[in-house]
Amino acid sequence: MDDFTKRRIEKIMRHYMESAAEEQLRNRRSIGYSLEGDEVMLIEQRPSKDGAGWIELPVAQFRLDAGGWNVYGMDSGGRWRPVPEIPPSDDFQAQLNRVAANDLGIF
């Protein structure tokens, strides 16, 4: 992923996290992300059951390849699998919106 694309993704993710801040406070959770290579992982952070800290739960993964941005969800075995109902797209924002809307009920 080139530097321009990385900066664009970081800007989109900052905006997404800011827009979700009020809901996050109500639900005592936080949304974060990691950017590594050609992959962006959306992460939910929640208080641990004992209240001593926070745990991170992966929500979705976005991978950039020749076909565009592909969306992956985690299966019960902890492996990332492509979400066939969400076709690849050159528009990262559109893919993030699909995951955020969670119309499929898997995120």
N, C-alpha and C. Protein backbone atom coordinates (compact mmCIF):
# COMPACT_ATOMS: atom_id res chain seq x y z
N MET A 1 0.86 -1.16 0.00
CA MET A 1 0.00 0.00 0.00
C MET A 1 0.92 1.23 0.00
N ASP A 2 0.63 2.16 -0.88
CA ASP A 2 1.46 3.35 -0.97
C ASP A 2 1.13 4.34 0.16
N ASP A 3 2.01 5.32 0.37
CA ASP A 3 1.84 6.28 1.46
C ASP A 3 0.56 7.09 1.34
N PHE A 4 0.18 7.47 0.13
CA PHE A 4 -1.04 8.24 -0.07
C PHE A 4 -2.25 7.43 0.41
N THR A 5 -2.30 6.15 0.04
CA THR A 5 -3.42 5.30 0.45
C THR A 5 -3.44 5.13 1.96
N LYS A 6 -2.27 4.94 2.57
CA LYS A 6 -2.20 4.81 4.03
C LYS A 6 -2.74 6.05 4.73
N ARG A 7 -2.34 7.22 4.26
CA ARG A 7 -2.83 8.46 4.87
C ARG A 7 -4.34 8.59 4.70
N ARG A 8 -4.84 8.21 3.54
CA ARG A 8 -6.28 8.27 3.29
C ARG A 8 -7.03 7.32 4.24
N ILE A 9 -6.51 6.10 4.40
CA ILE A 9 -7.15 5.12 5.29
C ILE A 9 -7.12 5.65 6.73
N GLU A 10 -5.99 6.19 7.16
CA GLU A 10 -5.89 6.73 8.51
C GLU A 10 -6.90 7.85 8.73
N LYS A 11 -7.08 8.72 7.75
CA LYS A 11 -8.06 9.80 7.86
C LYS A 11 -9.48 9.25 7.95
N ILE A 12 -9.81 8.28 7.12
CA ILE A 12 -11.14 7.65 7.15
C ILE A 12 -11.38 7.00 8.51
N MET A 13 -10.39 6.28 9.02
CA MET A 13 -10.56 5.58 10.29
C MET A 13 -10.68 6.57 11.46
N ARG A 14 -9.91 7.66 11.45
CA ARG A 14 -10.05 8.67 12.51
C ARG A 14 -11.47 9.24 12.51
N HIS A 15 -11.97 9.56 11.34
CA HIS A 15 -13.33 10.11 11.22
C HIS A 15 -14.34 9.08 11.72
N TYR A 16 -14.18 7.83 11.34
CA TYR A 16 -15.10 6.77 11.76
C TYR A 16 -15.10 6.64 13.29
N MET A 17 -13.93 6.65 13.90
CA MET A 17 -13.84 6.51 15.35
C MET A 17 -14.45 7.72 16.06
N GLU A 18 -14.22 8.92 15.53
CA GLU A 18 -14.80 10.12 16.12
C GLU A 18 -16.32 10.11 16.02
N SER A 19 -16.85 9.67 14.89
CA SER A 19 -18.30 9.67 14.71
C SER A 19 -18.98 8.62 15.58
N ALA A 20 -18.25 7.58 15.98
CA ALA A 20 -18.82 6.53 16.82
C ALA A 20 -18.56 6.76 18.31
N ALA A 21 -17.89 7.85 18.67
CA ALA A 21 -17.46 8.08 20.05
C ALA A 21 -18.61 8.10 21.05
N GLU A 22 -19.72 8.79 20.74
CA GLU A 22 -20.84 8.89 21.69
C GLU A 22 -21.43 7.51 21.98
N GLU A 23 -21.65 6.74 20.92
CA GLU A 23 -22.19 5.38 21.10
C GLU A 23 -21.20 4.53 21.90
N GLN A 24 -19.93 4.70 21.64
CA GLN A 24 -18.92 3.92 22.34
C GLN A 24 -18.96 4.19 23.84
N LEU A 25 -19.12 5.46 24.22
CA LEU A 25 -19.19 5.80 25.64
C LEU A 25 -20.41 5.17 26.30
N ARG A 26 -21.54 5.17 25.61
CA ARG A 26 -22.77 4.56 26.15
C ARG A 26 -22.58 3.08 26.39
N ASN A 27 -21.88 2.43 25.48
CA ASN A 27 -21.71 0.97 25.55
C ASN A 27 -20.43 0.55 26.24
N ARG A 28 -19.67 1.52 26.76
CA ARG A 28 -18.40 1.23 27.42
C ARG A 28 -17.50 0.38 26.54
N ARG A 29 -17.34 0.84 25.35
CA ARG A 29 -16.44 0.17 24.42
C ARG A 29 -15.76 1.21 23.55
N SER A 30 -14.75 0.78 22.89
CA SER A 30 -14.00 1.68 22.03
C SER A 30 -13.69 0.94 20.73
N ILE A 31 -13.59 1.68 19.67
CA ILE A 31 -13.24 1.12 18.37
C ILE A 31 -11.84 1.61 18.01
N GLY A 32 -11.03 0.70 17.54
CA GLY A 32 -9.69 1.04 17.09
C GLY A 32 -9.39 0.32 15.80
N TYR A 33 -8.18 0.47 15.34
CA TYR A 33 -7.77 -0.22 14.13
C TYR A 33 -6.27 -0.39 14.14
N SER A 34 -5.82 -1.33 13.34
CA SER A 34 -4.39 -1.47 13.09
C SER A 34 -4.20 -1.52 11.58
N LEU A 35 -3.09 -0.97 11.16
CA LEU A 35 -2.76 -0.90 9.74
C LEU A 35 -1.40 -1.55 9.57
N GLU A 36 -1.37 -2.66 8.85
CA GLU A 36 -0.13 -3.39 8.67
C GLU A 36 -0.05 -3.91 7.24
N GLY A 37 0.96 -3.47 6.52
CA GLY A 37 1.08 -3.88 5.13
C GLY A 37 -0.12 -3.44 4.33
N ASP A 38 -0.78 -4.38 3.67
CA ASP A 38 -1.97 -4.11 2.87
C ASP A 38 -3.25 -4.51 3.60
N GLU A 39 -3.18 -4.56 4.93
CA GLU A 39 -4.32 -4.99 5.72
C GLU A 39 -4.69 -3.95 6.78
N VAL A 40 -5.99 -3.77 6.96
CA VAL A 40 -6.52 -2.91 8.01
C VAL A 40 -7.43 -3.79 8.86
N MET A 41 -7.19 -3.81 10.17
CA MET A 41 -8.04 -4.59 11.06
C MET A 41 -8.84 -3.65 11.94
N LEU A 42 -10.14 -3.84 11.97
CA LEU A 42 -11.04 -3.09 12.84
C LEU A 42 -11.12 -3.86 14.16
N ILE A 43 -10.90 -3.16 15.27
CA ILE A 43 -10.81 -3.79 16.59
C ILE A 43 -11.79 -3.13 17.54
N GLU A 44 -12.48 -3.94 18.32
CA GLU A 44 -13.34 -3.43 19.40
C GLU A 44 -12.63 -3.66 20.71
N GLN A 45 -12.61 -2.65 21.55
CA GLN A 45 -11.98 -2.74 22.86
C GLN A 45 -13.07 -2.63 23.92
N ARG A 46 -13.07 -3.60 24.84
CA ARG A 46 -14.08 -3.63 25.91
C ARG A 46 -13.39 -3.84 27.25
N PRO A 47 -14.04 -3.42 28.33
CA PRO A 47 -13.47 -3.69 29.66
C PRO A 47 -13.44 -5.20 29.90
N SER A 48 -12.39 -5.67 30.56
CA SER A 48 -12.33 -7.09 30.91
C SER A 48 -13.39 -7.40 31.97
N LYS A 49 -13.73 -8.66 32.11
CA LYS A 49 -14.77 -9.05 33.07
C LYS A 49 -14.42 -8.67 34.50
N ASP A 50 -13.14 -8.74 34.82
CA ASP A 50 -12.73 -8.40 36.18
C ASP A 50 -12.52 -6.90 36.38
N GLY A 51 -12.66 -6.14 35.29
CA GLY A 51 -12.54 -4.69 35.36
C GLY A 51 -11.11 -4.18 35.51
N ALA A 52 -10.15 -5.07 35.41
CA ALA A 52 -8.75 -4.69 35.62
C ALA A 52 -8.09 -4.11 34.38
N GLY A 53 -8.72 -4.23 33.25
CA GLY A 53 -8.11 -3.72 32.03
C GLY A 53 -9.07 -3.82 30.87
N TRP A 54 -8.52 -3.81 29.68
CA TRP A 54 -9.32 -3.87 28.46
C TRP A 54 -8.89 -5.08 27.65
N ILE A 55 -9.84 -5.63 26.91
CA ILE A 55 -9.53 -6.70 25.97
C ILE A 55 -9.82 -6.19 24.56
N GLU A 56 -9.08 -6.71 23.61
CA GLU A 56 -9.28 -6.34 22.20
C GLU A 56 -9.88 -7.52 21.45
N LEU A 57 -10.95 -7.23 20.71
CA LEU A 57 -11.63 -8.24 19.93
C LEU A 57 -11.61 -7.83 18.46
N PRO A 58 -11.02 -8.65 17.59
CA PRO A 58 -11.03 -8.31 16.18
C PRO A 58 -12.46 -8.35 15.64
N VAL A 59 -12.81 -7.37 14.83
CA VAL A 59 -14.17 -7.28 14.28
C VAL A 59 -14.17 -7.68 12.81
N ALA A 60 -13.31 -7.05 12.04
CA ALA A 60 -13.25 -7.30 10.60
C ALA A 60 -11.85 -6.98 10.11
N GLN A 61 -11.54 -7.55 8.97
CA GLN A 61 -10.25 -7.25 8.34
C GLN A 61 -10.52 -6.85 6.89
N PHE A 62 -9.78 -5.84 6.45
CA PHE A 62 -9.87 -5.36 5.07
C PHE A 62 -8.51 -5.60 4.44
N ARG A 63 -8.50 -6.28 3.30
CA ARG A 63 -7.25 -6.55 2.61
C ARG A 63 -7.29 -5.96 1.21
N LEU A 64 -6.23 -5.23 0.89
CA LEU A 64 -6.11 -4.62 -0.44
C LEU A 64 -5.32 -5.55 -1.34
N ASP A 65 -5.92 -5.93 -2.46
CA ASP A 65 -5.19 -6.70 -3.46
C ASP A 65 -5.57 -6.18 -4.84
N ALA A 66 -5.20 -6.88 -5.87
CA ALA A 66 -5.44 -6.42 -7.24
C ALA A 66 -6.92 -6.19 -7.53
N GLY A 67 -7.81 -6.89 -6.83
CA GLY A 67 -9.24 -6.74 -7.06
C GLY A 67 -9.88 -5.64 -6.25
N GLY A 68 -9.13 -4.98 -5.39
CA GLY A 68 -9.67 -3.93 -4.54
C GLY A 68 -9.64 -4.35 -3.08
N TRP A 69 -10.49 -3.71 -2.28
CA TRP A 69 -10.58 -4.02 -0.86
C TRP A 69 -11.52 -5.19 -0.65
N ASN A 70 -11.01 -6.25 -0.02
CA ASN A 70 -11.80 -7.42 0.32
C ASN A 70 -12.06 -7.40 1.82
N VAL A 71 -13.25 -7.83 2.22
CA VAL A 71 -13.64 -7.85 3.63
C VAL A 71 -13.59 -9.29 4.13
N TYR A 72 -12.99 -9.44 5.32
CA TYR A 72 -12.86 -10.76 5.95
C TYR A 72 -13.51 -10.70 7.33
N GLY A 73 -14.12 -11.80 7.71
CA GLY A 73 -14.66 -11.96 9.05
C GLY A 73 -13.98 -13.15 9.70
N MET A 74 -13.97 -13.20 11.01
CA MET A 74 -13.31 -14.28 11.72
C MET A 74 -14.29 -15.41 11.97
N ASP A 75 -13.85 -16.63 11.66
CA ASP A 75 -14.71 -17.79 11.90
C ASP A 75 -14.53 -18.27 13.34
N SER A 76 -15.28 -19.30 13.73
CA SER A 76 -15.25 -19.78 15.11
C SER A 76 -13.90 -20.38 15.49
N GLY A 77 -13.10 -20.71 14.51
CA GLY A 77 -11.77 -21.25 14.78
C GLY A 77 -10.70 -20.17 14.86
N GLY A 78 -11.10 -18.90 14.77
CA GLY A 78 -10.15 -17.80 14.86
C GLY A 78 -9.40 -17.51 13.58
N ARG A 79 -9.91 -18.02 12.45
CA ARG A 79 -9.28 -17.78 11.15
C ARG A 79 -10.08 -16.75 10.37
N TRP A 80 -9.37 -15.89 9.64
CA TRP A 80 -10.02 -14.90 8.79
C TRP A 80 -10.51 -15.56 7.53
N ARG A 81 -11.77 -15.34 7.21
CA ARG A 81 -12.39 -15.89 5.99
C ARG A 81 -13.02 -14.75 5.20
N PRO A 82 -12.93 -14.80 3.87
CA PRO A 82 -13.59 -13.76 3.06
C PRO A 82 -15.10 -13.80 3.29
N VAL A 83 -15.71 -12.63 3.25
CA VAL A 83 -17.17 -12.53 3.37
C VAL A 83 -17.71 -12.45 1.95
N PRO A 84 -18.25 -13.57 1.43
CA PRO A 84 -18.66 -13.61 0.02
C PRO A 84 -19.80 -12.65 -0.32
N GLU A 85 -20.60 -12.27 0.67
CA GLU A 85 -21.72 -11.36 0.42
C GLU A 85 -21.26 -9.92 0.18
N ILE A 86 -20.00 -9.63 0.47
CA ILE A 86 -19.46 -8.29 0.25
C ILE A 86 -18.38 -8.39 -0.82
N PRO A 87 -18.72 -8.04 -2.05
CA PRO A 87 -17.75 -8.15 -3.14
C PRO A 87 -16.61 -7.14 -2.98
N PRO A 88 -15.45 -7.43 -3.55
CA PRO A 88 -14.33 -6.48 -3.50
C PRO A 88 -14.74 -5.13 -4.09
N SER A 89 -14.10 -4.08 -3.57
CA SER A 89 -14.38 -2.72 -4.05
C SER A 89 -13.11 -1.89 -3.96
N ASP A 90 -12.96 -0.96 -4.88
CA ASP A 90 -11.84 -0.02 -4.81
C ASP A 90 -12.07 1.05 -3.75
N ASP A 91 -13.27 1.14 -3.22
CA ASP A 91 -13.67 2.18 -2.28
C ASP A 91 -13.62 1.65 -0.84
N PHE A 92 -12.54 1.97 -0.12
CA PHE A 92 -12.40 1.50 1.27
C PHE A 92 -13.54 2.01 2.13
N GLN A 93 -13.92 3.27 1.96
CA GLN A 93 -15.00 3.86 2.76
C GLN A 93 -16.29 3.06 2.61
N ALA A 94 -16.60 2.64 1.40
CA ALA A 94 -17.81 1.85 1.17
C ALA A 94 -17.74 0.51 1.89
N GLN A 95 -16.57 -0.10 1.89
CA GLN A 95 -16.41 -1.39 2.58
C GLN A 95 -16.56 -1.21 4.09
N LEU A 96 -15.96 -0.15 4.64
CA LEU A 96 -16.09 0.14 6.06
C LEU A 96 -17.56 0.39 6.41
N ASN A 97 -18.27 1.12 5.57
CA ASN A 97 -19.69 1.39 5.82
C ASN A 97 -20.51 0.10 5.83
N ARG A 98 -20.18 -0.85 4.96
CA ARG A 98 -20.89 -2.13 4.93
C ARG A 98 -20.68 -2.89 6.24
N VAL A 99 -19.44 -2.89 6.71
CA VAL A 99 -19.14 -3.57 7.97
C VAL A 99 -19.83 -2.85 9.13
N ALA A 100 -19.76 -1.53 9.17
CA ALA A 100 -20.38 -0.76 10.25
C ALA A 100 -21.91 -0.95 10.29
N ALA A 101 -22.53 -1.03 9.13
CA ALA A 101 -23.98 -1.23 9.07
C ALA A 101 -24.35 -2.63 9.58
N ASN A 102 -23.46 -3.57 9.38
CA ASN A 102 -23.63 -4.96 9.84
C ASN A 102 -24.98 -5.56 9.43
N ASP A 103 -25.39 -5.28 8.22
CA ASP A 103 -26.65 -5.84 7.71
C ASP A 103 -26.64 -7.37 7.67
N LEU A 104 -25.47 -7.96 7.60
CA LEU A 104 -25.34 -9.41 7.55
C LEU A 104 -25.37 -10.04 8.95
N GLY A 105 -25.21 -9.23 9.99
CA GLY A 105 -25.23 -9.72 11.36
C GLY A 105 -24.00 -10.54 11.73
N ILE A 106 -22.88 -10.33 11.06
CA ILE A 106 -21.70 -11.13 11.39
C ILE A 106 -20.57 -10.30 11.99
N PHE A 107 -20.75 -9.00 12.09
CA PHE A 107 -19.70 -8.16 12.66
C PHE A 107 -20.15 -7.67 14.01
